[in-house]
Amino acid sequence: MALLLDSRLLLRRVTDLRCLTPRRHRVKEKWAETRTKHPPTRLALQHFDATYNVQLGQLWPSVRAAFLSERKYGALLNNFSHDAVLADLEAQGCRDFLSDTDTEVQPCLEQESEVAAEEESSGVSMKKSDTDGQQLSPLQLSPNIKCLVFPRGDITRFKPARPDMCGLLGYYLMDAASVLPCLVLDVQEGHNVLDLCAAPGGKTLALLQTQSVGFLCANDNSVSRISRLRKVLHSYVPKPLSSDEKLRITSFDGTKWGEIERNTFDRVLVDAPCTTDRHSLMEDDNNIFSKNRTGERRRLPQLQLELLLAGIQAAIPGGEILYSTCTLSQIQNLGVVEQAIYLAQENHGIHLQVVDLRPLTHMFRKTFHFAPDLQLGEMVIPHLAANFGPIYMCKLRRLT
């Protein structure tokens, strides 16, 4: 009996102590009101670990480390600005990566095996190149584009650009590898150019820096993103040019462009929406790996295919189309290009040739780290010493 009384007294004392314990220490954390239990960035990393580890093999650990480290930027000089910012940036240790290239002819590629994947039923050639065993001449690049970067391994941040006497900013900060698609597009004097997925505007601005565009149509189907594009052009391009007949900004469904303006443009840039790998790993806001955007993410390859096919139809025979993304995904890169080549011939009677971009990897190997042995196109992959990218690009020439 005495033992039972002692137990009851002990239980009462424990209960009294619990009442004295501050509430915040014994209330279970409310996940829904604090943070997401599985944030999109974590879901993205899990997805990339599962897919890119298989795709890249031994390269993935180093690429993964670069992804999770601070990225590098480049300063695209604004030719419309009156400020002499080039000397100032060079004094800080920057260099124009476009002028610091290996200009020697690319070495003989006899030891490289020709990579070809042919669709037997259609006879569509998926060859990356017909020039194995030959020497490849360097690409002809616009002399007017300048993009400055800090040396390899240097992660110094650029200072914000300041407006000149006319209110125009001296340079635009962007991933320096994002300039490459605009260079590869090879815009010549007087060309009509379509930027099918133009916002937020970095590549549109780079195309204008060539000072060769005869007419540029910058399109994006998102009204909010078009607003960002207009702000960029307002900050970097003189008002007479931005309101001139040579520049048109539209907000149409890009997948329908083949119906809007077919056989019209000398050059077409299809910088397609993608999983945007770096953003997906670093930012939870507007992240395509959010659970409420799962369907949108799964539909991306189909959207990319439709955009590329529309860009192909918009180009004139003899014109060139540049497809680019900022993802490592084979499904969104190689897979989309292969399907587009096949469907362009099968459904539209359009024959395409893949343009060999291997000279690009030779010219800019001092600045970027390129993925080896791609079947179609070239890709800048993140590297701790050169933390740019990812940027995938494949150039197609329309033959018919």
Protein backbone atom coordinates (compact mmCIF):
# COMPACT_ATOMS: atom_id res chain seq x y z
CA MET A 1 0.00 0.00 0.00
CA ALA A 2 2.84 2.33 0.93
CA LEU A 3 4.53 1.56 -2.38
CA LEU A 4 1.38 2.49 -4.29
CA LEU A 5 1.12 5.81 -2.46
CA ASP A 6 4.77 6.59 -3.20
CA SER A 7 4.21 5.88 -6.90
CA ARG A 8 1.21 8.19 -7.05
CA LEU A 9 3.19 10.99 -5.34
CA LEU A 10 6.06 10.54 -7.80
CA LEU A 11 3.67 10.66 -10.78
CA ARG A 12 2.06 13.83 -9.42
CA ARG A 13 5.44 15.49 -9.03
CA VAL A 14 6.39 14.60 -12.63
CA THR A 15 3.07 16.01 -13.86
CA ASP A 16 3.68 19.20 -11.90
CA LEU A 17 7.13 19.53 -13.48
CA ARG A 18 5.69 19.12 -16.98
CA CYS A 19 3.27 21.94 -16.28
CA LEU A 20 6.21 24.15 -15.37
CA THR A 21 8.08 23.29 -18.60
CA PRO A 22 7.86 26.11 -21.15
CA ARG A 23 5.39 25.20 -23.89
CA ARG A 24 7.77 25.88 -26.78
CA HIS A 25 10.02 23.02 -25.69
CA ARG A 26 7.38 20.37 -25.77
CA VAL A 27 5.25 21.31 -28.74
CA LYS A 28 6.02 19.35 -31.92
CA GLU A 29 7.30 21.53 -34.74
CA LYS A 30 4.66 22.36 -37.35
CA TRP A 31 6.30 21.57 -40.68
CA ALA A 32 3.58 23.16 -42.79
CA GLU A 33 4.05 26.53 -41.10
CA THR A 34 7.83 26.58 -41.10
CA ARG A 35 9.53 24.86 -44.00
CA THR A 36 8.83 22.27 -46.63
CA LYS A 37 9.82 18.82 -45.46
CA HIS A 38 11.18 17.97 -48.93
CA PRO A 39 12.14 21.30 -50.58
CA PRO A 40 12.36 21.41 -54.39
CA THR A 41 16.14 21.91 -54.28
CA ARG A 42 16.53 18.61 -52.42
CA LEU A 43 14.19 16.84 -54.83
CA ALA A 44 16.21 18.24 -57.75
CA LEU A 45 19.48 16.99 -56.27
CA GLN A 46 18.02 13.53 -55.72
CA HIS A 47 16.79 13.45 -59.31
CA PHE A 48 20.13 14.61 -60.71
CA ASP A 49 22.04 12.11 -58.57
CA ALA A 50 19.93 9.32 -60.01
CA THR A 51 20.08 10.41 -63.66
CA TYR A 52 23.34 12.30 -64.17
CA ASN A 53 25.38 9.75 -62.25
CA VAL A 54 24.40 7.24 -64.95
CA GLN A 55 24.76 9.74 -67.79
CA LEU A 56 28.11 11.28 -66.80
CA GLY A 57 29.66 8.42 -64.85
CA GLN A 58 32.98 9.44 -63.27
CA LEU A 59 32.44 13.08 -64.28
CA TRP A 60 29.35 13.50 -62.11
CA PRO A 61 31.05 13.95 -58.66
CA SER A 62 33.12 16.89 -59.93
CA VAL A 63 30.18 18.40 -61.83
CA ARG A 64 28.00 17.96 -58.73
CA ALA A 65 30.55 19.79 -56.57
CA ALA A 66 30.66 22.65 -59.06
CA PHE A 67 26.86 22.81 -59.20
CA LEU A 68 26.74 23.29 -55.43
CA SER A 69 29.50 25.94 -55.44
CA GLU A 70 29.29 29.59 -56.39
CA ARG A 71 28.91 30.00 -60.13
CA LYS A 72 30.96 32.35 -62.29
CA TYR A 73 29.65 35.16 -64.43
CA GLY A 74 30.82 37.08 -67.43
CA ALA A 75 30.37 40.76 -68.27
CA LEU A 76 28.91 41.20 -71.75
CA LEU A 77 30.07 44.64 -72.89
CA ASN A 78 27.35 46.95 -74.13
CA ASN A 79 28.41 48.52 -77.42
CA PHE A 80 25.61 51.08 -77.12
CA SER A 81 27.03 52.54 -73.88
CA HIS A 82 29.35 55.55 -73.98
CA ASP A 83 31.34 54.55 -70.89
CA ALA A 84 34.79 53.04 -71.48
CA VAL A 85 34.39 50.10 -69.09
CA LEU A 86 36.74 47.73 -70.91
CA ALA A 87 39.92 49.24 -69.47
CA ASP A 88 38.41 49.32 -65.99
CA LEU A 89 37.48 45.63 -66.10
CA GLU A 90 40.87 44.67 -67.51
CA ALA A 91 42.53 46.57 -64.67
CA GLN A 92 40.60 44.33 -62.26
CA GLY A 93 42.19 41.26 -63.86
CA CYS A 94 39.43 40.36 -66.32
CA ARG A 95 40.02 39.21 -69.88
CA ASP A 96 37.85 39.01 -72.97
CA PHE A 97 37.51 35.26 -73.45
CA LEU A 98 36.45 35.78 -77.08
CA SER A 99 39.83 37.23 -78.01
CA ASP A 100 41.81 34.81 -75.82
CA THR A 101 41.33 31.70 -77.95
CA ASP A 102 43.39 28.92 -79.46
CA THR A 103 43.43 30.12 -83.06
CA GLU A 104 45.42 27.20 -84.44
CA VAL A 105 43.58 24.83 -86.74
CA GLN A 106 42.05 22.03 -84.72
CA PRO A 107 44.31 18.95 -84.70
CA CYS A 108 43.56 15.97 -86.91
CA LEU A 109 40.75 13.89 -85.48
CA GLU A 110 41.66 10.55 -87.04
CA GLN A 111 41.60 8.76 -83.69
CA GLU A 112 38.08 9.91 -82.90
CA SER A 113 35.45 7.42 -83.97
CA GLU A 114 32.64 8.69 -86.11
CA VAL A 115 29.45 8.74 -84.03
CA ALA A 116 26.35 8.07 -86.08
CA ALA A 117 22.83 7.01 -85.26
CA GLU A 118 20.72 6.45 -88.36
CA GLU A 119 16.98 6.05 -88.44
CA GLU A 120 16.80 3.10 -90.83
CA SER A 121 13.15 3.53 -91.61
CA SER A 122 13.55 7.12 -92.79
CA GLY A 123 17.17 7.32 -93.85
CA VAL A 124 17.64 10.47 -91.74
CA SER A 125 21.32 10.90 -90.92
CA MET A 126 22.12 11.64 -87.29
CA LYS A 127 25.86 12.02 -87.87
CA LYS A 128 27.59 14.54 -85.68
CA SER A 129 30.20 15.09 -88.34
CA ASP A 130 31.37 13.92 -91.72
CA THR A 131 34.81 15.44 -91.16
CA ASP A 132 36.55 12.88 -88.94
CA GLY A 133 40.12 12.46 -90.08
CA GLN A 134 40.22 16.02 -91.43
CA GLN A 135 41.33 19.32 -89.97
CA LEU A 136 38.57 21.68 -88.84
CA SER A 137 39.00 25.41 -89.32
CA PRO A 138 38.18 27.77 -86.43
CA LEU A 139 34.69 29.24 -86.42
CA GLN A 140 34.17 32.75 -87.74
CA LEU A 141 32.92 34.84 -84.83
CA SER A 142 31.51 38.33 -84.61
CA PRO A 143 34.32 40.80 -83.82
CA ASN A 144 31.87 43.10 -82.03
CA ILE A 145 30.92 40.86 -79.10
CA LYS A 146 33.14 41.13 -76.04
CA CYS A 147 32.58 39.22 -72.81
CA LEU A 148 35.01 39.56 -69.93
CA VAL A 149 35.64 36.93 -67.27
CA PHE A 150 37.94 36.54 -64.31
CA PRO A 151 40.75 33.95 -64.63
CA ARG A 152 40.16 30.24 -64.06
CA GLY A 153 39.66 29.49 -60.39
CA ASP A 154 38.95 33.14 -59.57
CA ILE A 155 35.42 33.60 -58.18
CA THR A 156 35.63 37.37 -57.74
CA ARG A 157 32.23 38.98 -58.20
CA PHE A 158 31.61 41.73 -60.70
CA LYS A 159 30.42 45.06 -59.39
CA PRO A 160 27.01 46.22 -60.62
CA ALA A 161 27.20 48.16 -63.87
CA ARG A 162 26.65 51.91 -63.71
CA PRO A 163 24.59 53.96 -66.17
CA ASP A 164 26.35 56.32 -68.56
CA MET A 165 25.27 59.87 -69.42
CA CYS A 166 22.37 58.47 -71.46
CA GLY A 167 21.27 56.09 -68.70
CA LEU A 168 22.57 52.95 -70.45
CA LEU A 169 24.46 50.34 -68.44
CA GLY A 170 28.00 49.45 -69.51
CA TYR A 171 27.77 45.66 -69.25
CA TYR A 172 25.31 42.87 -68.64
CA LEU A 173 26.15 40.10 -66.18
CA MET A 174 25.35 36.59 -67.39
CA ASP A 175 26.79 33.10 -67.49
CA ALA A 176 29.60 33.58 -70.00
CA ALA A 177 28.77 30.23 -71.61
CA SER A 178 25.35 31.66 -72.52
CA VAL A 179 27.10 33.89 -75.06
CA LEU A 180 28.27 30.87 -77.06
CA PRO A 181 24.90 30.04 -78.71
CA CYS A 182 24.72 33.63 -80.00
CA LEU A 183 28.25 33.36 -81.39
CA VAL A 184 27.64 29.98 -82.97
CA LEU A 185 24.49 31.28 -84.68
CA ASP A 186 26.86 33.30 -86.89
CA VAL A 187 24.65 36.31 -87.63
CA GLN A 188 25.77 38.04 -90.80
CA GLU A 189 25.14 41.59 -92.01
CA GLY A 190 21.45 42.15 -92.73
CA HIS A 191 20.19 38.81 -91.45
CA ASN A 192 16.62 38.43 -90.25
CA VAL A 193 16.81 36.75 -86.84
CA LEU A 194 14.18 35.09 -84.66
CA ASP A 195 14.80 34.64 -80.92
CA LEU A 196 11.91 32.29 -80.22
CA CYS A 197 12.21 32.09 -76.40
CA ALA A 198 13.86 35.43 -75.75
CA ALA A 199 13.17 36.35 -72.10
CA PRO A 200 14.76 37.37 -69.82
CA GLY A 201 16.87 38.95 -72.55
CA GLY A 202 20.57 38.14 -72.16
CA LYS A 203 20.89 36.31 -75.47
CA THR A 204 18.70 38.90 -77.23
CA LEU A 205 21.11 41.57 -76.04
CA ALA A 206 24.10 39.50 -77.18
CA LEU A 207 22.57 39.16 -80.66
CA LEU A 208 22.16 42.94 -80.85
CA GLN A 209 25.83 43.39 -79.85
CA THR A 210 26.88 41.76 -83.12
CA GLN A 211 25.63 44.95 -84.80
CA SER A 212 24.86 42.83 -87.87
CA VAL A 213 21.17 42.10 -87.35
CA GLY A 214 18.97 43.45 -90.11
CA PHE A 215 15.77 42.59 -88.26
CA LEU A 216 15.30 40.87 -84.90
CA CYS A 217 12.07 39.39 -83.57
CA ALA A 218 12.26 38.64 -79.83
CA ASN A 219 9.40 36.43 -78.71
CA ASP A 220 8.32 34.80 -75.46
CA ASN A 221 4.90 33.39 -74.64
CA SER A 222 5.01 34.66 -71.03
CA VAL A 223 3.76 38.22 -70.56
CA SER A 224 5.64 38.60 -67.27
CA ARG A 225 8.89 37.40 -68.85
CA ILE A 226 8.37 39.76 -71.79
CA SER A 227 8.14 42.55 -69.23
CA ARG A 228 11.60 41.54 -67.94
CA LEU A 229 12.90 41.51 -71.51
CA ARG A 230 11.63 45.05 -72.10
CA LYS A 231 13.35 46.24 -68.91
CA VAL A 232 16.65 44.74 -70.05
CA LEU A 233 16.43 46.39 -73.46
CA HIS A 234 15.41 49.69 -71.85
CA SER A 235 18.54 49.57 -69.67
CA TYR A 236 20.98 48.62 -72.44
CA VAL A 237 19.64 49.66 -75.83
CA PRO A 238 19.04 53.24 -77.06
CA LYS A 239 15.38 54.12 -77.29
CA PRO A 240 15.41 54.79 -81.07
CA LEU A 241 16.70 51.24 -81.65
CA SER A 242 14.37 49.55 -79.16
CA SER A 243 11.38 51.22 -80.82
CA ASP A 244 12.73 50.85 -84.36
CA GLU A 245 11.18 48.67 -87.04
CA LYS A 246 14.34 46.54 -86.90
CA LEU A 247 13.36 45.18 -83.48
CA ARG A 248 10.01 43.58 -82.75
CA ILE A 249 8.93 42.16 -79.38
CA THR A 250 6.07 39.67 -79.40
CA SER A 251 4.34 37.34 -76.96
CA PHE A 252 2.99 34.46 -79.03
CA ASP A 253 2.93 30.73 -78.44
CA GLY A 254 6.30 29.78 -79.88
CA THR A 255 5.14 26.29 -80.81
CA LYS A 256 2.83 27.88 -83.40
CA TRP A 257 5.51 29.97 -85.09
CA GLY A 258 5.68 27.67 -88.09
CA GLU A 259 2.10 28.71 -88.78
CA ILE A 260 2.77 32.41 -88.12
CA GLU A 261 5.90 33.06 -90.23
CA ARG A 262 7.11 30.09 -92.21
CA ASN A 263 10.31 30.22 -94.32
CA THR A 264 11.14 33.73 -93.12
CA PHE A 265 14.31 33.95 -91.00
CA ASP A 266 18.00 33.54 -91.87
CA ARG A 267 18.84 32.61 -88.28
CA VAL A 268 16.66 31.16 -85.51
CA LEU A 269 17.64 30.79 -81.87
CA VAL A 270 15.58 28.30 -79.85
CA ASP A 271 16.81 28.71 -76.29
CA ALA A 272 14.17 26.37 -74.95
CA PRO A 273 12.72 26.33 -71.43
CA CYS A 274 14.21 23.43 -69.47
CA THR A 275 14.80 22.19 -65.95
CA THR A 276 17.36 25.01 -65.53
CA ASP A 277 19.64 22.77 -63.49
CA ARG A 278 21.53 25.41 -61.51
CA HIS A 279 18.40 27.27 -60.46
CA SER A 280 16.72 24.01 -59.54
CA LEU A 281 19.59 23.13 -57.21
CA MET A 282 20.00 26.55 -55.59
CA GLU A 283 16.61 28.28 -55.40
CA ASP A 284 13.34 26.96 -53.98
CA ASP A 285 11.42 29.92 -55.39
CA ASN A 286 9.90 29.26 -58.83
CA ASN A 287 11.54 25.83 -58.87
CA ILE A 288 10.28 23.39 -61.49
CA PHE A 289 10.88 20.51 -59.08
CA SER A 290 8.11 21.84 -56.81
CA LYS A 291 5.52 19.11 -56.41
CA ASN A 292 2.79 21.29 -57.93
CA ARG A 293 4.89 21.59 -61.13
CA THR A 294 5.54 17.88 -61.67
CA GLY A 295 3.28 17.71 -64.71
CA GLU A 296 4.91 20.78 -66.25
CA ARG A 297 8.36 19.27 -65.77
CA ARG A 298 7.36 15.99 -67.39
CA ARG A 299 5.95 17.82 -70.41
CA LEU A 300 9.17 19.75 -71.04
CA PRO A 301 10.66 17.43 -73.71
CA GLN A 302 7.45 17.61 -75.74
CA LEU A 303 7.34 21.40 -75.44
CA GLN A 304 11.01 21.64 -76.44
CA LEU A 305 10.40 19.42 -79.46
CA GLU A 306 7.45 21.53 -80.61
CA LEU A 307 9.45 24.75 -80.20
CA LEU A 308 12.40 23.39 -82.16
CA LEU A 309 10.15 22.15 -84.97
CA ALA A 310 8.49 25.57 -85.11
CA GLY A 311 11.92 27.22 -85.31
CA ILE A 312 12.95 24.89 -88.11
CA GLN A 313 9.83 25.77 -90.10
CA ALA A 314 10.39 29.48 -89.48
CA ALA A 315 13.89 29.33 -91.03
CA ILE A 316 14.42 29.79 -94.74
CA PRO A 317 16.01 26.99 -96.80
CA GLY A 318 19.72 27.52 -96.27
CA GLY A 319 19.05 29.16 -92.91
CA GLU A 320 20.44 27.94 -89.62
CA ILE A 321 18.79 27.04 -86.32
CA LEU A 322 20.55 26.92 -82.95
CA TYR A 323 18.92 24.82 -80.22
CA SER A 324 20.18 25.43 -76.69
CA THR A 325 19.27 24.65 -73.07
CA CYS A 326 20.84 25.09 -69.65
CA THR A 327 20.45 21.47 -68.56
CA LEU A 328 22.62 18.36 -68.72
CA SER A 329 19.62 16.16 -69.49
CA GLN A 330 20.06 13.89 -72.53
CA ILE A 331 16.29 13.64 -72.85
CA GLN A 332 15.98 17.43 -73.17
CA ASN A 333 19.05 17.81 -75.38
CA LEU A 334 20.07 14.94 -77.64
CA GLY A 335 16.63 13.31 -77.51
CA VAL A 336 14.84 16.48 -78.62
CA VAL A 337 17.25 17.16 -81.49
CA GLU A 338 17.05 13.60 -82.82
CA GLN A 339 13.26 13.64 -82.82
CA ALA A 340 13.14 17.06 -84.45
CA ILE A 341 15.44 15.99 -87.31
CA TYR A 342 13.29 12.92 -87.94
CA LEU A 343 9.90 14.66 -87.68
CA ALA A 344 10.99 17.66 -89.77
CA GLN A 345 11.62 15.33 -92.70
CA GLU A 346 8.81 12.89 -92.01
CA ASN A 347 6.03 15.44 -91.44
CA HIS A 348 7.25 18.57 -93.24
CA GLY A 349 9.66 17.38 -95.92
CA ILE A 350 12.47 19.46 -94.42
CA HIS A 351 15.98 18.01 -94.59
CA LEU A 352 18.51 19.15 -91.99
CA GLN A 353 22.27 18.94 -91.59
CA VAL A 354 23.98 18.95 -88.20
CA VAL A 355 26.77 21.54 -88.15
CA ASP A 356 29.95 20.34 -86.45
CA LEU A 357 30.79 22.53 -83.45
CA ARG A 358 33.98 20.79 -82.38
CA PRO A 359 36.13 23.80 -83.37
CA LEU A 360 34.28 25.67 -80.62
CA THR A 361 35.59 23.32 -77.95
CA HIS A 362 39.11 23.83 -79.25
CA MET A 363 38.92 27.60 -79.42
CA PHE A 364 37.52 28.15 -75.93
CA ARG A 365 39.12 25.35 -73.93
CA LYS A 366 41.06 27.97 -71.94
CA THR A 367 37.79 29.28 -70.53
CA PHE A 368 35.21 26.47 -70.45
CA HIS A 369 35.07 22.79 -69.62
CA PHE A 370 33.30 20.84 -72.37
CA ALA A 371 31.59 17.47 -72.09
CA PRO A 372 33.41 14.77 -74.07
CA ASP A 373 31.98 12.47 -76.73
CA LEU A 374 28.54 13.91 -77.37
CA GLN A 375 26.67 12.37 -80.29
CA LEU A 376 25.09 15.67 -81.34
CA GLY A 377 26.09 19.19 -80.38
CA GLU A 378 28.45 20.41 -77.67
CA MET A 379 27.94 21.21 -74.01
CA VAL A 380 29.70 23.34 -71.42
CA ILE A 381 29.63 21.53 -68.08
CA PRO A 382 30.32 23.07 -64.65
CA HIS A 383 33.84 22.65 -63.29
CA LEU A 384 35.26 24.04 -60.05
CA ALA A 385 38.03 25.88 -61.90
CA ALA A 386 35.68 27.12 -64.64
CA ASN A 387 32.26 27.16 -63.04
CA PHE A 388 30.14 28.11 -66.05
CA GLY A 389 27.21 26.27 -67.56
CA PRO A 390 25.61 23.93 -68.15
CA ILE A 391 24.89 25.11 -71.67
CA TYR A 392 23.98 22.65 -74.41
CA MET A 393 23.93 23.75 -78.05
CA CYS A 394 23.31 22.05 -81.36
CA LYS A 395 23.32 23.84 -84.71
CA LEU A 396 21.17 22.68 -87.61
CA ARG A 397 21.32 23.88 -91.21
CA ARG A 398 18.09 23.66 -93.19
CA LEU A 399 18.79 22.17 -96.60
CA THR A 400 15.28 22.18 -98.05
